[in-house]
Amino acid sequence: MAAAEAAVLSSSLKTDTAPVPETAGTATAMATTPSAMAAAATVAAAARTGSEARVSKAALATKLLSLSGVFAVHKPKGPTSAELLNRLKEKLLAEAGMPSPEWTKRKKQTLKIGHGGTLDSAARGVLVVGIGRGTKMLTSMLSGSKRYTAVGELGKATDTLDSTGKVTEEKPYDKITQEDIEGILQKFTGNIMQVPPLYSALKKDGQRLSTLMKRGEVVEAKPARPVTVYSISLQKFQPPFFTLDVECGGGFYIRSLVSDIGKELSSCANVLELTRTKQGPFTLEEHALPEDKWTIDDIAQSLEHCSSLLPAELALKKSKPEESNEQVLSCEYITLNETKGEDDVSKTF
C-alpha cells in the first residue's frame, strides 16, 4: 500500500511539473522575466555607481594635490593651532578618499600643509594656513601685522598670564579709572621692549618653555626683546574688565601686554578672552573659513580669492594639474611658531 501511494505521488509530481529541456533559449527566456531584469539593472547600477565614486574620489585627490597658496581658517577656543591643523588635514583626506587600499601600490606624493602664527588654545580667530607651495610663504605671515581684541581682567595675575592658569597674585583695582588706562597706553605703542611669557612656544634646548613649565621644571624668563605695536586703544571699561583693540607686529604677546598694563596701574591683570581679528590681509569676518567650509572646493575658491590679497612678490602662479591621478597622499604639516629664529619650522609626518 505504501508503495502504491508512493507511485501515485511520484506520478502526480511528474504530471504537475513537466520537465522542460534546459536550452540556451530557455535560459534567455528565464532571464527576461521582470524580476530578473530588475535584479540585473540593480547590479549594473551599483557597478556604475561604484565606478563613478572611484573616479570622483580620484578627481578630488588630484584637485587636492594641485591646491597651492595661502588661505585663512577660523580657529575656535579649545584646540591648539597644531590640533586644528591636523583636523583640517584629516577632513581633506577623508573627502578625497585617502588613503585607500586600491591606491597603496601607486606613486606617493606629499601633501604639505602648515600654519603661520600660533594661537593659544584659549584664543580664537584668524589662523593663516599654507598648502602646497604656499607653505613657503608662511614665514612672511609671521613678520606681518596682526590685530587682536583682548579682554583683560584687573586684580588677578596667573602663571600663564591668562584665565587658564593658576592665580598667583591678587591686588585691588577699585581706584583704577578709564582715564588711568587710556593714559598709560601710549607707553605701549611703537617700538618697545617686551618680556615673553614663560608659558609660550619659545624653546630652550629644543623644548617648548610651556612644556618644561608643565613638568614643574625651573625655567628662566627670556630676556626682553624688541617688538612693535602699531596701535592700541581702549574699547570698553567695566571694572574689573577692560577691552583692548591692538595691532602689532610679529613676535608680540598680548598676554604680556595685559600683564604689563596691570603692573603699570599698580595692580595686576590677566587675559580673559583673546580674538585675532586680522593677520596680514586676512580678516576674521571676510576670509576665515569656518569648519563646515573645510572642503576641497571651498578651499580652492578661497585660494583663488585670497591670491589677490597678497603682495605681487608673494602671489603664487596657479599650479599645473598633476600629470597622473594615480597618486596617494602621504601627509606632512609644517608649523611655524610665533617667534622668529627659535626653531620656527617643525615637521610632523
C-alpha atoms as a PDB file:
ATOM      1  CA  MET A   1       0.000   0.000   0.000  1.00  0.00           C
ATOM      2  CA  ALA A   2       2.764   2.336   0.869  1.00  0.00           C
ATOM      3  CA  ALA A   3       4.481   1.507  -2.397  1.00  0.00           C
ATOM      4  CA  ALA A   4       1.273   2.254  -4.326  1.00  0.00           C
ATOM      5  CA  GLU A   5       0.875   5.635  -2.551  1.00  0.00           C
ATOM      6  CA  ALA A   6       4.456   6.485  -3.378  1.00  0.00           C
ATOM      7  CA  ALA A   7       3.898   5.599  -7.010  1.00  0.00           C
ATOM      8  CA  VAL A   8       0.794   7.815  -7.178  1.00  0.00           C
ATOM      9  CA  LEU A   9       2.659  10.747  -5.553  1.00  0.00           C
ATOM     10  CA  SER A  10       5.529  10.349  -7.978  1.00  0.00           C
ATOM     11  CA  SER A  11       3.178  10.262 -10.914  1.00  0.00           C
ATOM     12  CA  SER A  12       1.331  13.324  -9.657  1.00  0.00           C
ATOM     13  CA  LEU A  13       4.513  15.278  -9.307  1.00  0.00           C
ATOM     14  CA  LYS A  14       5.624  14.408 -12.808  1.00  0.00           C
ATOM     15  CA  THR A  15       2.272  15.495 -14.212  1.00  0.00           C
ATOM     16  CA  ASP A  16       2.202  18.865 -12.379  1.00  0.00           C
ATOM     17  CA  THR A  17       5.807  19.825 -13.144  1.00  0.00           C
ATOM     18  CA  ALA A  18       6.552  18.628 -16.592  1.00  0.00           C
ATOM     19  CA  PRO A  19      10.282  18.728 -17.313  1.00  0.00           C
ATOM     20  CA  VAL A  20      11.483  21.486 -19.605  1.00  0.00           C
ATOM     21  CA  PRO A  21      14.696  20.933 -21.582  1.00  0.00           C
ATOM     22  CA  GLU A  22      17.359  23.383 -20.384  1.00  0.00           C
ATOM     23  CA  THR A  23      18.419  25.049 -23.578  1.00  0.00           C
ATOM     24  CA  ALA A  24      20.011  28.415 -24.325  1.00  0.00           C
ATOM     25  CA  GLY A  25      16.638  29.709 -25.433  1.00  0.00           C
ATOM     26  CA  THR A  26      15.066  28.672 -22.142  1.00  0.00           C
ATOM     27  CA  ALA A  27      17.782  30.367 -20.155  1.00  0.00           C
ATOM     28  CA  THR A  28      17.249  33.556 -22.147  1.00  0.00           C
ATOM     29  CA  ALA A  29      13.521  33.416 -21.576  1.00  0.00           C
ATOM     30  CA  MET A  30      14.021  32.969 -17.842  1.00  0.00           C
ATOM     31  CA  ALA A  31      16.453  35.900 -17.707  1.00  0.00           C
ATOM     32  CA  THR A  32      13.939  38.206 -19.320  1.00  0.00           C
ATOM     33  CA  THR A  33      11.375  37.872 -16.567  1.00  0.00           C
ATOM     34  CA  PRO A  34      10.585  41.201 -14.797  1.00  0.00           C
ATOM     35  CA  SER A  35      12.233  40.196 -11.513  1.00  0.00           C
ATOM     36  CA  ALA A  36      15.401  39.033 -13.235  1.00  0.00           C
ATOM     37  CA  MET A  37      15.590  42.194 -15.305  1.00  0.00           C
ATOM     38  CA  ALA A  38      15.184  44.353 -12.182  1.00  0.00           C
ATOM     39  CA  ALA A  39      17.913  42.444 -10.369  1.00  0.00           C
ATOM     40  CA  ALA A  40      20.261  42.791 -13.321  1.00  0.00           C
ATOM     41  CA  ALA A  41      19.558  46.517 -13.561  1.00  0.00           C
ATOM     42  CA  THR A  42      20.273  46.945  -9.845  1.00  0.00           C
ATOM     43  CA  VAL A  43      23.599  45.164 -10.165  1.00  0.00           C
ATOM     44  CA  ALA A  44      24.551  47.229 -13.208  1.00  0.00           C
ATOM     45  CA  ALA A  45      23.566  50.468 -11.482  1.00  0.00           C
ATOM     46  CA  ALA A  46      25.598  49.547  -8.398  1.00  0.00           C
ATOM     47  CA  ALA A  47      28.603  48.791 -10.576  1.00  0.00           C
ATOM     48  CA  ARG A  48      28.263  52.136 -12.352  1.00  0.00           C
ATOM     49  CA  THR A  49      27.840  53.978  -9.034  1.00  0.00           C
ATOM     50  CA  GLY A  50      30.931  52.312  -7.583  1.00  0.00           C
ATOM     51  CA  SER A  51      32.941  53.114 -10.678  1.00  0.00           C
ATOM     52  CA  GLU A  52      31.742  56.721 -10.703  1.00  0.00           C
ATOM     53  CA  ALA A  53      32.557  57.067  -6.996  1.00  0.00           C
ATOM     54  CA  ARG A  54      36.110  55.841  -7.595  1.00  0.00           C
ATOM     55  CA  VAL A  55      36.535  58.272 -10.481  1.00  0.00           C
ATOM     56  CA  SER A  56      35.111  61.111  -8.338  1.00  0.00           C
ATOM     57  CA  LYS A  57      37.461  60.348  -5.435  1.00  0.00           C
ATOM     58  CA  ALA A  58      40.419  60.171  -7.821  1.00  0.00           C
ATOM     59  CA  ALA A  59      39.462  63.564  -9.257  1.00  0.00           C
ATOM     60  CA  LEU A  60      39.177  65.049  -5.760  1.00  0.00           C
ATOM     61  CA  ALA A  61      42.557  63.622  -4.776  1.00  0.00           C
ATOM     62  CA  THR A  62      44.117  65.160  -7.875  1.00  0.00           C
ATOM     63  CA  LYS A  63      42.474  68.506  -7.103  1.00  0.00           C
ATOM     64  CA  LEU A  64      43.684  68.347  -3.505  1.00  0.00           C
ATOM     65  CA  LEU A  65      47.241  67.721  -4.679  1.00  0.00           C
ATOM     66  CA  SER A  66      47.029  70.698  -7.023  1.00  0.00           C
ATOM     67  CA  LEU A  67      45.990  73.196  -4.314  1.00  0.00           C
ATOM     68  CA  SER A  68      48.713  75.741  -3.654  1.00  0.00           C
ATOM     69  CA  GLY A  69      48.629  79.047  -1.832  1.00  0.00           C
ATOM     70  CA  VAL A  70      47.583  80.699   1.410  1.00  0.00           C
ATOM     71  CA  PHE A  71      44.125  80.979   2.965  1.00  0.00           C
ATOM     72  CA  ALA A  72      42.631  81.510   6.434  1.00  0.00           C
ATOM     73  CA  VAL A  73      40.504  79.395   8.761  1.00  0.00           C
ATOM     74  CA  HIS A  74      38.542  80.288  11.882  1.00  0.00           C
ATOM     75  CA  LYS A  75      40.146  78.713  14.945  1.00  0.00           C
ATOM     76  CA  PRO A  76      37.695  78.255  17.842  1.00  0.00           C
ATOM     77  CA  LYS A  77      38.592  78.150  21.512  1.00  0.00           C
ATOM     78  CA  GLY A  78      39.868  74.798  22.752  1.00  0.00           C
ATOM     79  CA  PRO A  79      42.208  73.112  20.286  1.00  0.00           C
ATOM     80  CA  THR A  80      45.806  74.155  19.816  1.00  0.00           C
ATOM     81  CA  SER A  81      46.796  75.513  16.416  1.00  0.00           C
ATOM     82  CA  ALA A  82      48.551  72.209  15.629  1.00  0.00           C
ATOM     83  CA  GLU A  83      45.486  70.172  16.621  1.00  0.00           C
ATOM     84  CA  LEU A  84      43.271  72.321  14.436  1.00  0.00           C
ATOM     85  CA  LEU A  85      45.629  71.899  11.500  1.00  0.00           C
ATOM     86  CA  ASN A  86      45.572  68.140  11.960  1.00  0.00           C
ATOM     87  CA  ARG A  87      41.748  68.200  11.999  1.00  0.00           C
ATOM     88  CA  LEU A  88      41.757  70.168   8.739  1.00  0.00           C
ATOM     89  CA  LYS A  89      44.183  67.717   7.143  1.00  0.00           C
ATOM     90  CA  GLU A  90      42.074  64.722   8.170  1.00  0.00           C
ATOM     91  CA  LYS A  91      38.882  66.259   6.751  1.00  0.00           C
ATOM     92  CA  LEU A  92      40.545  66.905   3.395  1.00  0.00           C
ATOM     93  CA  LEU A  93      41.988  63.404   3.203  1.00  0.00           C
ATOM     94  CA  ALA A  94      38.654  61.835   4.100  1.00  0.00           C
ATOM     95  CA  GLU A  95      36.862  63.847   1.416  1.00  0.00           C
ATOM     96  CA  ALA A  96      39.394  62.685  -1.187  1.00  0.00           C
ATOM     97  CA  GLY A  97      39.057  59.076  -0.020  1.00  0.00           C
ATOM     98  CA  MET A  98      42.663  58.900   1.098  1.00  0.00           C
ATOM     99  CA  PRO A  99      44.295  56.712   1.977  1.00  0.00           C
ATOM    100  CA  SER A 100      42.501  53.933   0.116  1.00  0.00           C
ATOM    101  CA  PRO A 101      43.751  50.318  -0.263  1.00  0.00           C
ATOM    102  CA  GLU A 102      43.462  50.471  -4.037  1.00  0.00           C
ATOM    103  CA  TRP A 103      45.939  53.357  -4.114  1.00  0.00           C
ATOM    104  CA  THR A 104      48.604  51.914  -1.859  1.00  0.00           C
ATOM    105  CA  LYS A 105      50.660  50.413  -4.681  1.00  0.00           C
ATOM    106  CA  ARG A 106      50.748  53.626  -6.631  1.00  0.00           C
ATOM    107  CA  LYS A 107      53.135  56.548  -6.603  1.00  0.00           C
ATOM    108  CA  LYS A 108      53.196  58.605  -3.407  1.00  0.00           C
ATOM    109  CA  GLN A 109      53.105  62.374  -3.262  1.00  0.00           C
ATOM    110  CA  THR A 110      53.324  64.551  -0.188  1.00  0.00           C
ATOM    111  CA  LEU A 111      50.555  66.938   0.795  1.00  0.00           C
ATOM    112  CA  LYS A 112      52.188  69.887   2.520  1.00  0.00           C
ATOM    113  CA  ILE A 113      50.053  71.951   4.839  1.00  0.00           C
ATOM    114  CA  GLY A 114      51.042  74.290   7.666  1.00  0.00           C
ATOM    115  CA  HIS A 115      50.098  77.414   9.583  1.00  0.00           C
ATOM    116  CA  GLY A 116      51.851  80.711  10.184  1.00  0.00           C
ATOM    117  CA  GLY A 117      51.457  82.227  13.634  1.00  0.00           C
ATOM    118  CA  THR A 118      50.404  80.137  16.629  1.00  0.00           C
ATOM    119  CA  LEU A 119      47.212  80.995  18.510  1.00  0.00           C
ATOM    120  CA  ASP A 120      46.901  79.899  22.138  1.00  0.00           C
ATOM    121  CA  SER A 121      44.402  77.112  22.766  1.00  0.00           C
ATOM    122  CA  ALA A 122      42.227  79.552  24.760  1.00  0.00           C
ATOM    123  CA  ALA A 123      42.205  82.049  21.874  1.00  0.00           C
ATOM    124  CA  ARG A 124      40.062  82.151  18.773  1.00  0.00           C
ATOM    125  CA  GLY A 125      40.219  83.907  15.435  1.00  0.00           C
ATOM    126  CA  VAL A 126      42.168  84.010  12.187  1.00  0.00           C
ATOM    127  CA  LEU A 127      44.714  81.261  11.583  1.00  0.00           C
ATOM    128  CA  VAL A 128      46.580  81.549   8.279  1.00  0.00           C
ATOM    129  CA  VAL A 129      47.199  78.237   6.519  1.00  0.00           C
ATOM    130  CA  GLY A 130      49.567  77.434   3.675  1.00  0.00           C
ATOM    131  CA  ILE A 131      49.022  74.449   1.395  1.00  0.00           C
ATOM    132  CA  GLY A 132      51.338  73.054  -1.264  1.00  0.00           C
ATOM    133  CA  ARG A 133      53.910  75.637  -2.267  1.00  0.00           C
ATOM    134  CA  GLY A 134      52.046  78.101  -0.066  1.00  0.00           C
ATOM    135  CA  THR A 135      53.870  76.681   2.953  1.00  0.00           C
ATOM    136  CA  LYS A 136      56.934  78.572   1.752  1.00  0.00           C
ATOM    137  CA  MET A 137      55.052  81.837   2.209  1.00  0.00           C
ATOM    138  CA  LEU A 138      54.238  81.317   5.875  1.00  0.00           C
ATOM    139  CA  THR A 139      57.384  82.988   7.201  1.00  0.00           C
ATOM    140  CA  SER A 140      56.111  86.283   5.796  1.00  0.00           C
ATOM    141  CA  MET A 141      52.886  85.763   7.757  1.00  0.00           C
ATOM    142  CA  LEU A 142      54.892  85.655  10.989  1.00  0.00           C
ATOM    143  CA  SER A 143      56.549  89.008  10.402  1.00  0.00           C
ATOM    144  CA  GLY A 144      53.387  90.702   9.128  1.00  0.00           C
ATOM    145  CA  SER A 145      50.920  92.693  11.220  1.00  0.00           C
ATOM    146  CA  LYS A 146      48.190  91.127  13.354  1.00  0.00           C
ATOM    147  CA  ARG A 147      45.149  92.603  15.041  1.00  0.00           C
ATOM    148  CA  TYR A 148      43.544  91.426  18.257  1.00  0.00           C
ATOM    149  CA  THR A 149      40.608  92.130  20.512  1.00  0.00           C
ATOM    150  CA  ALA A 150      41.582  91.301  24.091  1.00  0.00           C
ATOM    151  CA  VAL A 151      39.503  91.317  27.249  1.00  0.00           C
ATOM    152  CA  GLY A 152      41.669  91.797  30.340  1.00  0.00           C
ATOM    153  CA  GLU A 153      40.773  91.277  33.979  1.00  0.00           C
ATOM    154  CA  LEU A 154      42.263  93.586  36.587  1.00  0.00           C
ATOM    155  CA  GLY A 155      43.175  92.431  40.082  1.00  0.00           C
ATOM    156  CA  LYS A 156      44.356  88.893  39.272  1.00  0.00           C
ATOM    157  CA  ALA A 157      47.675  87.556  37.994  1.00  0.00           C
ATOM    158  CA  THR A 158      48.158  83.962  36.820  1.00  0.00           C
ATOM    159  CA  ASP A 159      51.172  81.840  35.954  1.00  0.00           C
ATOM    160  CA  THR A 160      50.097  81.625  32.291  1.00  0.00           C
ATOM    161  CA  LEU A 161      49.082  85.307  32.142  1.00  0.00           C
ATOM    162  CA  ASP A 162      45.568  84.272  31.088  1.00  0.00           C
ATOM    163  CA  SER A 163      42.453  82.771  32.660  1.00  0.00           C
ATOM    164  CA  THR A 164      43.587  79.170  32.063  1.00  0.00           C
ATOM    165  CA  GLY A 165      46.377  79.458  34.630  1.00  0.00           C
ATOM    166  CA  LYS A 166      46.700  79.299  38.389  1.00  0.00           C
ATOM    167  CA  VAL A 167      46.139  82.552  40.270  1.00  0.00           C
ATOM    168  CA  THR A 168      49.468  83.706  41.671  1.00  0.00           C
ATOM    169  CA  GLU A 169      48.573  87.180  42.954  1.00  0.00           C
ATOM    170  CA  GLU A 170      45.579  89.393  43.702  1.00  0.00           C
ATOM    171  CA  LYS A 171      45.622  93.179  44.113  1.00  0.00           C
ATOM    172  CA  PRO A 172      42.994  95.915  44.484  1.00  0.00           C
ATOM    173  CA  TYR A 173      41.767  97.645  41.330  1.00  0.00           C
ATOM    174  CA  ASP A 174      38.819  99.711  42.608  1.00  0.00           C
ATOM    175  CA  LYS A 175      40.671 103.027  42.268  1.00  0.00           C
ATOM    176  CA  ILE A 176      41.573 102.476  38.605  1.00  0.00           C
ATOM    177  CA  THR A 177      39.604 104.635  36.141  1.00  0.00           C
ATOM    178  CA  GLN A 178      39.121 104.599  32.379  1.00  0.00           C
ATOM    179  CA  GLU A 179      41.308 107.678  32.142  1.00  0.00           C
ATOM    180  CA  ASP A 180      44.087 105.865  34.023  1.00  0.00           C
ATOM    181  CA  ILE A 181      44.126 103.072  31.463  1.00  0.00           C
ATOM    182  CA  GLU A 182      43.941 105.399  28.459  1.00  0.00           C
ATOM    183  CA  GLY A 183      46.725 107.494  29.951  1.00  0.00           C
ATOM    184  CA  ILE A 184      49.276 104.688  30.011  1.00  0.00           C
ATOM    185  CA  LEU A 185      48.548 103.075  26.619  1.00  0.00           C
ATOM    186  CA  GLN A 186      50.942 105.439  24.868  1.00  0.00           C
ATOM    187  CA  LYS A 187      53.790 103.766  26.781  1.00  0.00           C
ATOM    188  CA  PHE A 188      52.972 100.529  24.979  1.00  0.00           C
ATOM    189  CA  THR A 189      52.821 101.999  21.474  1.00  0.00           C
ATOM    190  CA  GLY A 190      55.562 101.982  18.853  1.00  0.00           C
ATOM    191  CA  ASN A 191      58.844 100.079  19.133  1.00  0.00           C
ATOM    192  CA  ILE A 192      59.034  98.758  22.678  1.00  0.00           C
ATOM    193  CA  MET A 193      60.788  96.017  24.654  1.00  0.00           C
ATOM    194  CA  GLN A 194      58.726  93.058  25.861  1.00  0.00           C
ATOM    195  CA  VAL A 195      59.450  90.004  28.015  1.00  0.00           C
ATOM    196  CA  PRO A 196      57.645  86.973  26.546  1.00  0.00           C
ATOM    197  CA  PRO A 197      55.568  84.691  28.822  1.00  0.00           C
ATOM    198  CA  LEU A 198      57.102  81.594  30.380  1.00  0.00           C
ATOM    199  CA  TYR A 199      54.178  79.607  29.040  1.00  0.00           C
ATOM    200  CA  SER A 200      54.920  80.058  25.352  1.00  0.00           C
ATOM    201  CA  ALA A 201      56.093  78.312  22.193  1.00  0.00           C
ATOM    202  CA  LEU A 202      59.617  79.678  22.702  1.00  0.00           C
ATOM    203  CA  LYS A 203      62.165  76.937  23.186  1.00  0.00           C
ATOM    204  CA  LYS A 204      65.011  76.027  25.473  1.00  0.00           C
ATOM    205  CA  ASP A 205      67.318  73.181  24.417  1.00  0.00           C
ATOM    206  CA  GLY A 206      64.826  72.220  21.727  1.00  0.00           C
ATOM    207  CA  GLN A 207      61.809  72.030  24.057  1.00  0.00           C
ATOM    208  CA  ARG A 208      58.968  74.492  24.460  1.00  0.00           C
ATOM    209  CA  LEU A 209      59.059  76.573  27.617  1.00  0.00           C
ATOM    210  CA  SER A 210      55.394  75.732  28.237  1.00  0.00           C
ATOM    211  CA  THR A 211      56.216  72.007  28.174  1.00  0.00           C
ATOM    212  CA  LEU A 212      59.037  72.471  30.664  1.00  0.00           C
ATOM    213  CA  MET A 213      56.792  74.547  32.933  1.00  0.00           C
ATOM    214  CA  LYS A 214      54.073  71.910  32.930  1.00  0.00           C
ATOM    215  CA  ARG A 215      56.657  69.355  34.047  1.00  0.00           C
ATOM    216  CA  GLY A 216      57.441  71.513  37.031  1.00  0.00           C
ATOM    217  CA  GLU A 217      60.933  72.379  35.861  1.00  0.00           C
ATOM    218  CA  VAL A 218      62.518  75.691  36.764  1.00  0.00           C
ATOM    219  CA  VAL A 219      62.553  77.951  33.710  1.00  0.00           C
ATOM    220  CA  GLU A 220      64.214  81.340  33.472  1.00  0.00           C
ATOM    221  CA  ALA A 221      62.370  84.098  31.681  1.00  0.00           C
ATOM    222  CA  LYS A 222      63.634  85.010  28.247  1.00  0.00           C
ATOM    223  CA  PRO A 223      65.241  88.448  28.044  1.00  0.00           C
ATOM    224  CA  ALA A 224      63.172  91.386  26.842  1.00  0.00           C
ATOM    225  CA  ARG A 225      63.207  91.773  23.081  1.00  0.00           C
ATOM    226  CA  PRO A 226      62.121  94.479  20.626  1.00  0.00           C
ATOM    227  CA  VAL A 227      58.536  94.299  19.355  1.00  0.00           C
ATOM    228  CA  THR A 228      56.246  96.726  17.556  1.00  0.00           C
ATOM    229  CA  VAL A 229      52.761  97.973  18.435  1.00  0.00           C
ATOM    230  CA  TYR A 230      51.187  99.949  15.600  1.00  0.00           C
ATOM    231  CA  SER A 231      48.084 100.989  17.506  1.00  0.00           C
ATOM    232  CA  ILE A 232      46.302 100.291  20.783  1.00  0.00           C
ATOM    233  CA  SER A 233      43.026 101.648  22.091  1.00  0.00           C
ATOM    234  CA  LEU A 234      40.636 101.033  24.964  1.00  0.00           C
ATOM    235  CA  GLN A 235      37.264  99.911  23.620  1.00  0.00           C
ATOM    236  CA  LYS A 236      35.404  99.296  26.864  1.00  0.00           C
ATOM    237  CA  PHE A 237      35.960  99.521  30.617  1.00  0.00           C
ATOM    238  CA  GLN A 238      33.652  97.823  33.084  1.00  0.00           C
ATOM    239  CA  PRO A 239      35.740  97.056  36.183  1.00  0.00           C
ATOM    240  CA  PRO A 240      37.419  94.706  36.587  1.00  0.00           C
ATOM    241  CA  PHE A 241      37.231  94.058  32.847  1.00  0.00           C
ATOM    242  CA  PHE A 242      38.705  96.156  30.052  1.00  0.00           C
ATOM    243  CA  THR A 243      38.699  95.558  26.292  1.00  0.00           C
ATOM    244  CA  LEU A 244      41.599  96.496  24.043  1.00  0.00           C
ATOM    245  CA  ASP A 245      41.996  96.683  20.273  1.00  0.00           C
ATOM    246  CA  VAL A 246      45.650  96.052  19.387  1.00  0.00           C
ATOM    247  CA  GLU A 247      47.519  95.972  16.091  1.00  0.00           C
ATOM    248  CA  CYS A 248      51.063  94.669  16.397  1.00  0.00           C
ATOM    249  CA  GLY A 249      53.950  93.067  14.567  1.00  0.00           C
ATOM    250  CA  GLY A 250      55.337  89.537  14.728  1.00  0.00           C
ATOM    251  CA  GLY A 251      56.588  88.024  17.970  1.00  0.00           C
ATOM    252  CA  PHE A 252      54.281  90.150  20.129  1.00  0.00           C
ATOM    253  CA  TYR A 253      52.412  88.609  23.072  1.00  0.00           C
ATOM    254  CA  ILE A 254      49.043  90.077  24.084  1.00  0.00           C
ATOM    255  CA  ARG A 255      49.265  88.197  27.402  1.00  0.00           C
ATOM    256  CA  SER A 256      52.465  90.040  28.269  1.00  0.00           C
ATOM    257  CA  LEU A 257      50.911  93.349  27.244  1.00  0.00           C
ATOM    258  CA  VAL A 258      47.877  92.899  29.528  1.00  0.00           C
ATOM    259  CA  SER A 259      50.101  91.773  32.396  1.00  0.00           C
ATOM    260  CA  ASP A 260      52.371  94.803  31.933  1.00  0.00           C
ATOM    261  CA  ILE A 261      49.368  97.145  31.844  1.00  0.00           C
ATOM    262  CA  GLY A 262      48.204  95.742  35.184  1.00  0.00           C
ATOM    263  CA  LYS A 263      51.630  96.357  36.704  1.00  0.00           C
ATOM    264  CA  GLU A 264      51.786  99.890  35.283  1.00  0.00           C
ATOM    265  CA  LEU A 265      48.472 100.587  37.047  1.00  0.00           C
ATOM    266  CA  SER A 266      49.960  99.357  40.367  1.00  0.00           C
ATOM    267  CA  SER A 267      47.750  96.277  40.215  1.00  0.00           C
ATOM    268  CA  CYS A 268      47.876  93.105  38.146  1.00  0.00           C
ATOM    269  CA  ALA A 269      45.923  91.663  35.235  1.00  0.00           C
ATOM    270  CA  ASN A 270      45.436  88.611  33.021  1.00  0.00           C
ATOM    271  CA  VAL A 271      43.795  87.901  29.659  1.00  0.00           C
ATOM    272  CA  LEU A 272      40.219  86.666  29.952  1.00  0.00           C
ATOM    273  CA  GLU A 273      39.421  86.420  26.233  1.00  0.00           C
ATOM    274  CA  LEU A 274      41.532  86.807  23.115  1.00  0.00           C
ATOM    275  CA  THR A 275      40.435  87.002  19.480  1.00  0.00           C
ATOM    276  CA  ARG A 276      42.711  87.508  16.496  1.00  0.00           C
ATOM    277  CA  THR A 277      40.607  89.571  14.105  1.00  0.00           C
ATOM    278  CA  LYS A 278      43.210  90.031  11.382  1.00  0.00           C
ATOM    279  CA  GLN A 279      46.503  88.567  10.214  1.00  0.00           C
ATOM    280  CA  GLY A 280      48.188  90.245   7.287  1.00  0.00           C
ATOM    281  CA  PRO A 281      45.423  90.903   4.733  1.00  0.00           C
ATOM    282  CA  PHE A 282      43.143  88.162   6.127  1.00  0.00           C
ATOM    283  CA  THR A 283      40.237  89.219   8.340  1.00  0.00           C
ATOM    284  CA  LEU A 284      38.019  87.094  10.568  1.00  0.00           C
ATOM    285  CA  GLU A 285      34.777  88.367   9.047  1.00  0.00           C
ATOM    286  CA  GLU A 286      35.693  88.170   5.352  1.00  0.00           C
ATOM    287  CA  HIS A 287      38.277  85.442   4.876  1.00  0.00           C
ATOM    288  CA  ALA A 288      38.420  82.907   7.732  1.00  0.00           C
ATOM    289  CA  LEU A 289      36.690  79.661   6.721  1.00  0.00           C
ATOM    290  CA  PRO A 290      34.531  78.046   9.440  1.00  0.00           C
ATOM    291  CA  GLU A 291      34.864  74.288   9.854  1.00  0.00           C
ATOM    292  CA  ASP A 292      31.802  73.482   7.738  1.00  0.00           C
ATOM    293  CA  LYS A 293      33.632  75.121   4.806  1.00  0.00           C
ATOM    294  CA  TRP A 294      36.756  72.982   5.112  1.00  0.00           C
ATOM    295  CA  THR A 295      36.181  71.228   1.793  1.00  0.00           C
ATOM    296  CA  ILE A 296      38.433  70.903  -1.226  1.00  0.00           C
ATOM    297  CA  ASP A 297      36.151  73.068  -3.386  1.00  0.00           C
ATOM    298  CA  ASP A 298      35.680  75.777  -0.743  1.00  0.00           C
ATOM    299  CA  ILE A 299      39.420  75.974  -0.099  1.00  0.00           C
ATOM    300  CA  ALA A 300      40.126  76.149  -3.843  1.00  0.00           C
ATOM    301  CA  GLN A 301      37.723  79.109  -4.105  1.00  0.00           C
ATOM    302  CA  SER A 302      39.293  80.755  -1.067  1.00  0.00           C
ATOM    303  CA  LEU A 303      42.788  80.369  -2.541  1.00  0.00           C
ATOM    304  CA  GLU A 304      41.594  81.997  -5.740  1.00  0.00           C
ATOM    305  CA  HIS A 305      40.061  84.892  -3.821  1.00  0.00           C
ATOM    306  CA  CYS A 306      42.949  85.333  -1.380  1.00  0.00           C
ATOM    307  CA  SER A 307      45.661  85.346  -4.057  1.00  0.00           C
ATOM    308  CA  SER A 308      44.636  88.913  -4.935  1.00  0.00           C
ATOM    309  CA  LEU A 309      45.231  89.996  -1.322  1.00  0.00           C
ATOM    310  CA  LEU A 310      48.910  89.076  -1.289  1.00  0.00           C
ATOM    311  CA  PRO A 311      51.787  91.282  -2.445  1.00  0.00           C
ATOM    312  CA  ALA A 312      52.866  90.614  -6.016  1.00  0.00           C
ATOM    313  CA  GLU A 313      56.192  89.146  -4.908  1.00  0.00           C
ATOM    314  CA  LEU A 314      54.392  86.568  -2.771  1.00  0.00           C
ATOM    315  CA  ALA A 315      51.494  85.670  -5.059  1.00  0.00           C
ATOM    316  CA  LEU A 316      51.756  82.179  -6.450  1.00  0.00           C
ATOM    317  CA  LYS A 317      51.019  81.233 -10.013  1.00  0.00           C
ATOM    318  CA  LYS A 318      48.283  78.689 -10.499  1.00  0.00           C
ATOM    319  CA  SER A 319      49.621  75.197 -10.106  1.00  0.00           C
ATOM    320  CA  LYS A 320      49.547  72.892 -13.093  1.00  0.00           C
ATOM    321  CA  PRO A 321      47.291  69.858 -12.712  1.00  0.00           C
ATOM    322  CA  GLU A 322      49.072  66.672 -11.769  1.00  0.00           C
ATOM    323  CA  GLU A 323      50.033  64.608 -14.798  1.00  0.00           C
ATOM    324  CA  SER A 324      48.617  61.477 -13.191  1.00  0.00           C
ATOM    325  CA  ASN A 325      45.733  60.999 -10.827  1.00  0.00           C
ATOM    326  CA  GLU A 326      47.149  57.696  -9.684  1.00  0.00           C
ATOM    327  CA  GLN A 327      48.898  59.120  -6.662  1.00  0.00           C
ATOM    328  CA  VAL A 328      48.446  58.644  -2.952  1.00  0.00           C
ATOM    329  CA  LEU A 329      48.846  61.368  -0.376  1.00  0.00           C
ATOM    330  CA  SER A 330      51.405  60.958   2.352  1.00  0.00           C
ATOM    331  CA  CYS A 331      50.800  63.735   4.820  1.00  0.00           C
ATOM    332  CA  GLU A 332      53.067  66.333   6.271  1.00  0.00           C
ATOM    333  CA  TYR A 333      52.278  69.527   8.080  1.00  0.00           C
ATOM    334  CA  ILE A 334      54.652  72.364   8.786  1.00  0.00           C
ATOM    335  CA  THR A 335      54.087  74.533  11.839  1.00  0.00           C
ATOM    336  CA  LEU A 336      55.791  77.877  12.252  1.00  0.00           C
ATOM    337  CA  ASN A 337      55.988  79.252  15.769  1.00  0.00           C
ATOM    338  CA  GLU A 338      55.029  82.808  16.583  1.00  0.00           C
ATOM    339  CA  THR A 339      58.630  83.796  17.228  1.00  0.00           C
ATOM    340  CA  LYS A 340      61.250  84.111  14.527  1.00  0.00           C
ATOM    341  CA  GLY A 341      64.620  82.489  14.952  1.00  0.00           C
ATOM    342  CA  GLU A 342      63.516  79.948  17.579  1.00  0.00           C
ATOM    343  CA  ASP A 343      63.450  76.718  15.548  1.00  0.00           C
ATOM    344  CA  ASP A 344      60.494  78.099  13.665  1.00  0.00           C
ATOM    345  CA  VAL A 345      59.759  75.132  11.452  1.00  0.00           C
ATOM    346  CA  SER A 346      58.843  71.714  12.760  1.00  0.00           C
ATOM    347  CA  LYS A 347      57.527  68.839  10.656  1.00  0.00           C
ATOM    348  CA  THR A 348      55.210  66.022  11.597  1.00  0.00           C
ATOM    349  CA  PHE A 349      54.566  63.035   9.370  1.00  0.00           C
END
